[in-house]
């Protein structure tokens, strides 16, 4: 169980955030699909050899972000994207816009032309999906 997710306790990124990022990445890549059941907090903690409170914190963050949904008595499932936008959706979109703006500025100063930047963006998307549709840079 959870072989697809690795956590590194030596990483500067907190373990709960590694779980959040890993599950979000697996959903974005299509490895986890809406309706897929996730392991219970305890089972996930055992499979990752970490404290169950760490998994619980990650699940709480994922539920707050509407990536997963907890159905009492049935389990935890991957939510359908966009079905119920997270409460901070506008703030997160603005943060994403700022990140992309900063990336564009950096690309400009590296001498990348627009086509190269767009190709890098598509490559990053494909890498997140597990490498489908790879294009050379």
N, C-alpha and C. Protein backbone atom coordinates (compact mmCIF):
# COMPACT_ATOMS: atom_id res chain seq x y z
N UNK A 1 0.84 -1.19 0.00
CA UNK A 1 0.00 0.00 0.00
C UNK A 1 0.88 1.25 0.00
N UNK A 2 0.48 2.26 -0.71
CA UNK A 2 1.17 3.56 -0.78
C UNK A 2 2.59 3.44 -1.31
N UNK A 3 2.86 2.40 -2.11
CA UNK A 3 4.17 2.24 -2.70
C UNK A 3 4.48 3.41 -3.63
N UNK A 4 3.47 4.01 -4.22
CA UNK A 4 3.64 5.13 -5.15
C UNK A 4 4.05 6.40 -4.45
N UNK A 5 3.95 6.44 -3.13
CA UNK A 5 4.29 7.65 -2.39
C UNK A 5 5.48 7.37 -1.48
N UNK A 6 6.49 8.20 -1.63
CA UNK A 6 7.68 8.10 -0.79
C UNK A 6 7.78 9.38 0.04
N UNK A 7 8.16 9.23 1.29
CA UNK A 7 8.43 10.40 2.12
C UNK A 7 9.87 10.32 2.60
N UNK A 8 10.47 11.47 2.76
CA UNK A 8 11.85 11.55 3.21
C UNK A 8 11.89 12.35 4.51
N UNK A 9 12.06 11.68 5.63
CA UNK A 9 12.08 12.40 6.91
C UNK A 9 13.23 13.39 7.04
N UNK A 10 14.26 13.27 6.20
CA UNK A 10 15.40 14.20 6.24
C UNK A 10 15.17 15.44 5.38
N UNK A 11 14.11 15.44 4.61
CA UNK A 11 13.82 16.57 3.73
C UNK A 11 13.43 17.79 4.56
N UNK A 12 13.78 19.00 4.07
CA UNK A 12 13.34 20.21 4.78
C UNK A 12 11.82 20.42 4.66
N UNK A 13 11.19 19.75 3.72
CA UNK A 13 9.73 19.82 3.59
C UNK A 13 9.10 18.91 4.62
N UNK A 14 8.18 19.43 5.44
CA UNK A 14 7.55 18.58 6.47
C UNK A 14 6.91 17.34 5.84
N UNK A 15 6.91 16.24 6.57
CA UNK A 15 6.39 14.97 6.05
C UNK A 15 4.92 15.11 5.66
N UNK A 16 4.11 15.82 6.46
CA UNK A 16 2.71 15.96 6.10
C UNK A 16 2.57 16.67 4.75
N UNK A 17 3.45 17.67 4.49
CA UNK A 17 3.39 18.40 3.22
C UNK A 17 3.84 17.51 2.06
N UNK A 18 4.80 16.62 2.32
CA UNK A 18 5.21 15.66 1.30
C UNK A 18 4.03 14.76 0.91
N UNK A 19 3.23 14.37 1.89
CA UNK A 19 2.04 13.54 1.62
C UNK A 19 1.03 14.34 0.81
N UNK A 20 0.77 15.57 1.23
CA UNK A 20 -0.17 16.44 0.49
C UNK A 20 0.30 16.60 -0.95
N UNK A 21 1.56 16.95 -1.14
CA UNK A 21 2.10 17.16 -2.48
C UNK A 21 2.06 15.87 -3.29
N UNK A 22 2.36 14.75 -2.65
CA UNK A 22 2.36 13.46 -3.34
C UNK A 22 0.98 13.06 -3.81
N UNK A 23 -0.02 13.25 -2.97
CA UNK A 23 -1.39 12.89 -3.35
C UNK A 23 -1.90 13.86 -4.41
N UNK A 24 -1.65 15.15 -4.24
CA UNK A 24 -2.06 16.11 -5.27
C UNK A 24 -1.42 15.77 -6.61
N UNK A 25 -0.13 15.43 -6.58
CA UNK A 25 0.57 15.06 -7.80
C UNK A 25 0.01 13.81 -8.44
N UNK A 26 -0.31 12.81 -7.62
CA UNK A 26 -0.87 11.56 -8.14
C UNK A 26 -2.24 11.79 -8.77
N UNK A 27 -3.02 12.69 -8.19
CA UNK A 27 -4.34 13.02 -8.75
C UNK A 27 -4.15 13.77 -10.08
N UNK A 28 -3.26 14.76 -10.09
CA UNK A 28 -3.02 15.54 -11.31
C UNK A 28 -2.48 14.66 -12.43
N UNK A 29 -1.67 13.66 -12.07
CA UNK A 29 -1.08 12.76 -13.06
C UNK A 29 -2.07 11.71 -13.55
N UNK A 30 -3.18 11.57 -12.84
CA UNK A 30 -4.16 10.56 -13.23
C UNK A 30 -3.91 9.19 -12.61
N UNK A 31 -2.91 9.10 -11.72
CA UNK A 31 -2.65 7.84 -11.04
C UNK A 31 -3.75 7.56 -10.02
N UNK A 32 -4.27 8.62 -9.44
CA UNK A 32 -5.45 8.52 -8.58
C UNK A 32 -6.57 9.26 -9.28
N UNK A 33 -7.72 8.63 -9.35
CA UNK A 33 -8.86 9.21 -10.08
C UNK A 33 -10.00 9.53 -9.11
N UNK A 34 -10.86 10.47 -9.50
CA UNK A 34 -12.01 10.77 -8.65
C UNK A 34 -12.77 9.48 -8.30
N UNK A 35 -13.07 9.37 -7.02
CA UNK A 35 -13.78 8.19 -6.54
C UNK A 35 -12.87 7.10 -6.00
N UNK A 36 -11.57 7.16 -6.31
CA UNK A 36 -10.63 6.17 -5.78
C UNK A 36 -10.57 6.29 -4.26
N UNK A 37 -10.56 5.15 -3.62
CA UNK A 37 -10.49 5.14 -2.16
C UNK A 37 -9.03 5.21 -1.72
N UNK A 38 -8.77 6.05 -0.74
CA UNK A 38 -7.44 6.15 -0.15
C UNK A 38 -7.39 5.27 1.10
N UNK A 39 -6.20 4.87 1.50
CA UNK A 39 -6.09 4.08 2.72
C UNK A 39 -6.55 4.88 3.94
N UNK A 40 -6.95 4.18 4.98
CA UNK A 40 -7.29 4.86 6.23
C UNK A 40 -6.04 5.55 6.76
N UNK A 41 -6.25 6.49 7.65
CA UNK A 41 -5.13 7.21 8.25
C UNK A 41 -4.14 6.22 8.87
N UNK A 42 -4.66 5.28 9.64
CA UNK A 42 -3.77 4.32 10.32
C UNK A 42 -3.03 3.43 9.33
N UNK A 43 -3.74 2.90 8.32
CA UNK A 43 -3.10 2.03 7.33
C UNK A 43 -2.02 2.78 6.56
N UNK A 44 -2.32 4.03 6.18
CA UNK A 44 -1.35 4.84 5.45
C UNK A 44 -0.12 5.10 6.32
N UNK A 45 -0.36 5.43 7.59
CA UNK A 45 0.76 5.69 8.51
C UNK A 45 1.64 4.45 8.66
N UNK A 46 1.03 3.29 8.79
CA UNK A 46 1.80 2.05 8.92
C UNK A 46 2.62 1.80 7.66
N UNK A 47 1.99 1.98 6.48
CA UNK A 47 2.70 1.70 5.22
C UNK A 47 3.87 2.66 4.99
N UNK A 48 3.76 3.89 5.51
CA UNK A 48 4.83 4.87 5.36
C UNK A 48 5.78 4.89 6.56
N UNK A 49 5.44 4.10 7.59
CA UNK A 49 6.24 4.04 8.82
C UNK A 49 6.37 5.42 9.47
N UNK A 50 5.23 6.11 9.60
CA UNK A 50 5.22 7.43 10.23
C UNK A 50 4.07 7.48 11.23
N UNK A 51 4.03 8.54 12.02
CA UNK A 51 2.99 8.74 13.01
C UNK A 51 1.65 8.98 12.33
N UNK A 52 0.59 8.39 12.87
CA UNK A 52 -0.74 8.56 12.26
C UNK A 52 -1.23 10.00 12.30
N UNK A 53 -0.75 10.78 13.28
CA UNK A 53 -1.15 12.20 13.34
C UNK A 53 -0.63 12.98 12.13
N UNK A 54 0.51 12.56 11.59
CA UNK A 54 1.07 13.21 10.41
C UNK A 54 0.17 12.99 9.21
N UNK A 55 -0.29 11.76 9.03
CA UNK A 55 -1.21 11.44 7.93
C UNK A 55 -2.53 12.17 8.14
N UNK A 56 -3.01 12.20 9.38
CA UNK A 56 -4.27 12.89 9.67
C UNK A 56 -4.18 14.37 9.31
N UNK A 57 -3.04 15.00 9.62
CA UNK A 57 -2.85 16.41 9.28
C UNK A 57 -2.85 16.60 7.76
N UNK A 58 -2.19 15.70 7.03
CA UNK A 58 -2.18 15.78 5.57
C UNK A 58 -3.59 15.61 5.02
N UNK A 59 -4.33 14.64 5.51
CA UNK A 59 -5.70 14.40 5.05
C UNK A 59 -6.58 15.62 5.34
N UNK A 60 -6.40 16.25 6.50
CA UNK A 60 -7.17 17.44 6.82
C UNK A 60 -6.90 18.56 5.82
N UNK A 61 -5.63 18.75 5.48
CA UNK A 61 -5.26 19.77 4.49
C UNK A 61 -5.85 19.43 3.12
N UNK A 62 -5.77 18.17 2.73
CA UNK A 62 -6.32 17.75 1.44
C UNK A 62 -7.84 17.89 1.40
N UNK A 63 -8.48 17.62 2.52
CA UNK A 63 -9.94 17.78 2.58
C UNK A 63 -10.31 19.26 2.52
N UNK A 64 -9.56 20.09 3.22
CA UNK A 64 -9.81 21.54 3.21
C UNK A 64 -9.62 22.10 1.79
N UNK A 65 -8.67 21.54 1.05
CA UNK A 65 -8.40 21.97 -0.33
C UNK A 65 -9.33 21.30 -1.33
N UNK A 66 -10.20 20.42 -0.83
CA UNK A 66 -11.18 19.71 -1.66
C UNK A 66 -10.54 18.75 -2.66
N UNK A 67 -9.36 18.23 -2.31
CA UNK A 67 -8.71 17.22 -3.14
C UNK A 67 -9.28 15.85 -2.80
N UNK A 68 -9.62 15.66 -1.53
CA UNK A 68 -10.23 14.42 -1.08
C UNK A 68 -11.52 14.75 -0.33
N UNK A 69 -12.34 13.72 -0.16
CA UNK A 69 -13.53 13.89 0.67
C UNK A 69 -13.65 12.68 1.58
N UNK A 70 -14.03 12.95 2.81
CA UNK A 70 -14.20 11.90 3.80
C UNK A 70 -15.69 11.63 3.93
N UNK A 71 -16.05 10.39 3.71
CA UNK A 71 -17.44 9.97 3.85
C UNK A 71 -17.51 9.11 5.10
N UNK A 72 -18.16 9.64 6.14
CA UNK A 72 -18.23 8.95 7.42
C UNK A 72 -18.78 7.53 7.24
N UNK A 73 -18.04 6.58 7.80
CA UNK A 73 -18.47 5.19 7.74
C UNK A 73 -18.08 4.48 6.45
N UNK A 74 -17.60 5.21 5.45
CA UNK A 74 -17.23 4.58 4.18
C UNK A 74 -15.75 4.71 3.86
N UNK A 75 -15.16 5.86 4.21
CA UNK A 75 -13.74 6.03 3.95
C UNK A 75 -13.39 7.38 3.35
N UNK A 76 -12.19 7.45 2.82
CA UNK A 76 -11.65 8.67 2.23
C UNK A 76 -11.45 8.44 0.74
N UNK A 77 -11.95 9.38 -0.06
CA UNK A 77 -11.95 9.21 -1.51
C UNK A 77 -11.39 10.45 -2.20
N UNK A 78 -10.86 10.22 -3.40
CA UNK A 78 -10.40 11.34 -4.23
C UNK A 78 -11.65 12.08 -4.72
N UNK A 79 -11.67 13.38 -4.55
CA UNK A 79 -12.80 14.21 -4.95
C UNK A 79 -12.72 14.51 -6.45
N UNK A 80 -13.85 14.87 -7.01
CA UNK A 80 -13.88 15.31 -8.41
C UNK A 80 -13.41 16.75 -8.46
N UNK A 81 -12.41 17.05 -9.31
CA UNK A 81 -11.88 18.42 -9.34
C UNK A 81 -12.92 19.42 -9.81
N UNK A 82 -12.96 20.55 -9.14
CA UNK A 82 -13.85 21.63 -9.54
C UNK A 82 -15.29 21.45 -9.11
N UNK A 83 -15.64 20.27 -8.61
CA UNK A 83 -17.02 20.03 -8.21
C UNK A 83 -17.42 20.96 -7.06
N UNK A 84 -16.53 21.07 -6.10
CA UNK A 84 -16.70 22.00 -4.97
C UNK A 84 -15.39 22.74 -4.81
N UNK A 85 -15.28 23.94 -5.39
CA UNK A 85 -14.00 24.66 -5.27
C UNK A 85 -13.65 24.94 -3.81
N UNK A 86 -12.34 24.93 -3.51
CA UNK A 86 -11.94 25.23 -2.13
C UNK A 86 -12.32 26.66 -1.75
N UNK A 87 -12.49 26.90 -0.46
CA UNK A 87 -12.92 28.24 -0.03
C UNK A 87 -11.92 29.34 -0.39
N UNK A 88 -10.65 29.00 -0.53
CA UNK A 88 -9.64 30.00 -0.83
C UNK A 88 -9.23 29.97 -2.31
N UNK A 89 -10.15 29.57 -3.18
CA UNK A 89 -9.82 29.38 -4.60
C UNK A 89 -9.26 30.65 -5.24
N UNK A 90 -9.87 31.80 -4.97
CA UNK A 90 -9.38 33.04 -5.58
C UNK A 90 -7.97 33.38 -5.13
N UNK A 91 -7.70 33.19 -3.86
CA UNK A 91 -6.36 33.46 -3.32
C UNK A 91 -5.33 32.52 -3.95
N UNK A 92 -5.70 31.25 -4.11
CA UNK A 92 -4.78 30.28 -4.70
C UNK A 92 -4.55 30.55 -6.19
N UNK A 93 -5.57 30.99 -6.89
CA UNK A 93 -5.40 31.34 -8.30
C UNK A 93 -4.46 32.53 -8.43
N UNK A 94 -4.64 33.52 -7.56
CA UNK A 94 -3.76 34.70 -7.59
C UNK A 94 -2.32 34.31 -7.29
N UNK A 95 -2.12 33.41 -6.33
CA UNK A 95 -0.78 32.94 -6.00
C UNK A 95 -0.16 32.20 -7.19
N UNK A 96 -0.95 31.38 -7.87
CA UNK A 96 -0.48 30.68 -9.06
C UNK A 96 -0.11 31.68 -10.16
N UNK A 97 -0.94 32.69 -10.34
CA UNK A 97 -0.66 33.73 -11.34
C UNK A 97 0.66 34.43 -11.02
N UNK A 98 0.90 34.75 -9.75
CA UNK A 98 2.15 35.39 -9.35
C UNK A 98 3.35 34.47 -9.61
N UNK A 99 3.20 33.19 -9.31
CA UNK A 99 4.27 32.23 -9.55
C UNK A 99 4.61 32.16 -11.04
N UNK A 100 3.58 32.11 -11.88
CA UNK A 100 3.80 32.06 -13.33
C UNK A 100 4.44 33.35 -13.84
N UNK A 101 4.02 34.48 -13.27
CA UNK A 101 4.60 35.77 -13.67
C UNK A 101 6.09 35.79 -13.34
N UNK A 102 6.45 35.33 -12.14
CA UNK A 102 7.86 35.30 -11.75
C UNK A 102 8.65 34.33 -12.63
N UNK A 103 8.04 33.21 -12.99
CA UNK A 103 8.72 32.25 -13.88
C UNK A 103 8.94 32.88 -15.25
N UNK A 104 7.95 33.63 -15.73
CA UNK A 104 8.11 34.29 -17.03
C UNK A 104 9.23 35.32 -16.99
N UNK A 105 9.31 36.09 -15.92
CA UNK A 105 10.38 37.08 -15.77
C UNK A 105 11.74 36.39 -15.77
N UNK A 106 11.85 35.28 -15.04
CA UNK A 106 13.11 34.54 -15.00
C UNK A 106 13.46 34.00 -16.38
N UNK A 107 12.47 33.47 -17.10
CA UNK A 107 12.69 32.95 -18.46
C UNK A 107 13.20 34.07 -19.37
N UNK A 108 12.62 35.24 -19.24
CA UNK A 108 13.05 36.39 -20.05
C UNK A 108 14.52 36.68 -19.81
N UNK A 109 14.91 36.71 -18.54
CA UNK A 109 16.29 37.06 -18.21
C UNK A 109 17.26 35.93 -18.54
N UNK A 110 16.75 34.73 -18.75
CA UNK A 110 17.59 33.63 -19.21
C UNK A 110 17.70 33.60 -20.73
N UNK A 111 16.97 34.50 -21.37
CA UNK A 111 17.02 34.58 -22.82
C UNK A 111 16.11 33.60 -23.54
N UNK A 112 15.16 33.03 -22.82
CA UNK A 112 14.23 32.08 -23.45
C UNK A 112 13.16 32.84 -24.22
N UNK A 113 12.87 32.38 -25.40
CA UNK A 113 11.79 32.98 -26.16
C UNK A 113 10.48 32.34 -25.73
N UNK A 114 9.38 32.97 -26.11
CA UNK A 114 8.06 32.53 -25.66
C UNK A 114 7.80 31.06 -25.98
N UNK A 115 8.16 30.61 -27.18
CA UNK A 115 7.93 29.21 -27.55
C UNK A 115 8.67 28.26 -26.63
N UNK A 116 9.90 28.61 -26.25
CA UNK A 116 10.68 27.75 -25.35
C UNK A 116 10.03 27.69 -23.96
N UNK A 117 9.56 28.83 -23.49
CA UNK A 117 8.91 28.88 -22.19
C UNK A 117 7.64 28.02 -22.20
N UNK A 118 6.84 28.15 -23.24
CA UNK A 118 5.62 27.35 -23.34
C UNK A 118 5.93 25.87 -23.44
N UNK A 119 7.00 25.52 -24.16
CA UNK A 119 7.41 24.13 -24.27
C UNK A 119 7.84 23.60 -22.90
N UNK A 120 8.55 24.43 -22.12
CA UNK A 120 8.94 24.03 -20.76
C UNK A 120 7.71 23.80 -19.88
N UNK A 121 6.71 24.67 -20.04
CA UNK A 121 5.48 24.53 -19.26
C UNK A 121 4.80 23.20 -19.60
N UNK A 122 4.70 22.90 -20.90
CA UNK A 122 4.09 21.62 -21.32
C UNK A 122 4.90 20.43 -20.83
N UNK A 123 6.23 20.57 -20.85
CA UNK A 123 7.09 19.48 -20.37
C UNK A 123 6.88 19.25 -18.88
N UNK A 124 6.76 20.33 -18.12
CA UNK A 124 6.51 20.19 -16.68
C UNK A 124 5.17 19.49 -16.45
N UNK A 125 4.16 19.84 -17.23
CA UNK A 125 2.85 19.18 -17.13
C UNK A 125 2.99 17.70 -17.44
N UNK A 126 3.69 17.39 -18.52
CA UNK A 126 3.86 15.99 -18.91
C UNK A 126 4.66 15.21 -17.87
N UNK A 127 5.69 15.85 -17.30
CA UNK A 127 6.46 15.19 -16.25
C UNK A 127 5.58 14.87 -15.05
N UNK A 128 4.69 15.81 -14.71
CA UNK A 128 3.77 15.59 -13.59
C UNK A 128 2.81 14.44 -13.88
N UNK A 129 2.53 14.21 -15.15
CA UNK A 129 1.65 13.12 -15.54
C UNK A 129 2.39 11.81 -15.72
N UNK A 130 3.66 11.82 -15.42
CA UNK A 130 4.42 10.59 -15.54
C UNK A 130 5.15 10.42 -16.85
N UNK A 131 5.34 11.52 -17.58
CA UNK A 131 6.16 11.49 -18.77
C UNK A 131 5.45 11.33 -20.08
N UNK A 132 4.12 11.33 -20.08
CA UNK A 132 3.42 11.17 -21.36
C UNK A 132 3.63 12.39 -22.24
N UNK A 133 3.76 12.17 -23.52
CA UNK A 133 3.87 13.27 -24.46
C UNK A 133 5.13 14.09 -24.34
N UNK A 134 6.24 13.47 -23.98
CA UNK A 134 7.48 14.23 -23.78
C UNK A 134 7.95 14.87 -25.07
N UNK A 135 8.35 16.11 -24.92
CA UNK A 135 8.93 16.85 -26.03
C UNK A 135 10.33 17.26 -25.62
N UNK A 136 11.23 17.34 -26.57
CA UNK A 136 12.58 17.81 -26.26
C UNK A 136 12.57 19.31 -26.02
N UNK A 137 13.48 19.77 -25.19
CA UNK A 137 13.56 21.21 -24.92
C UNK A 137 14.57 21.86 -25.80
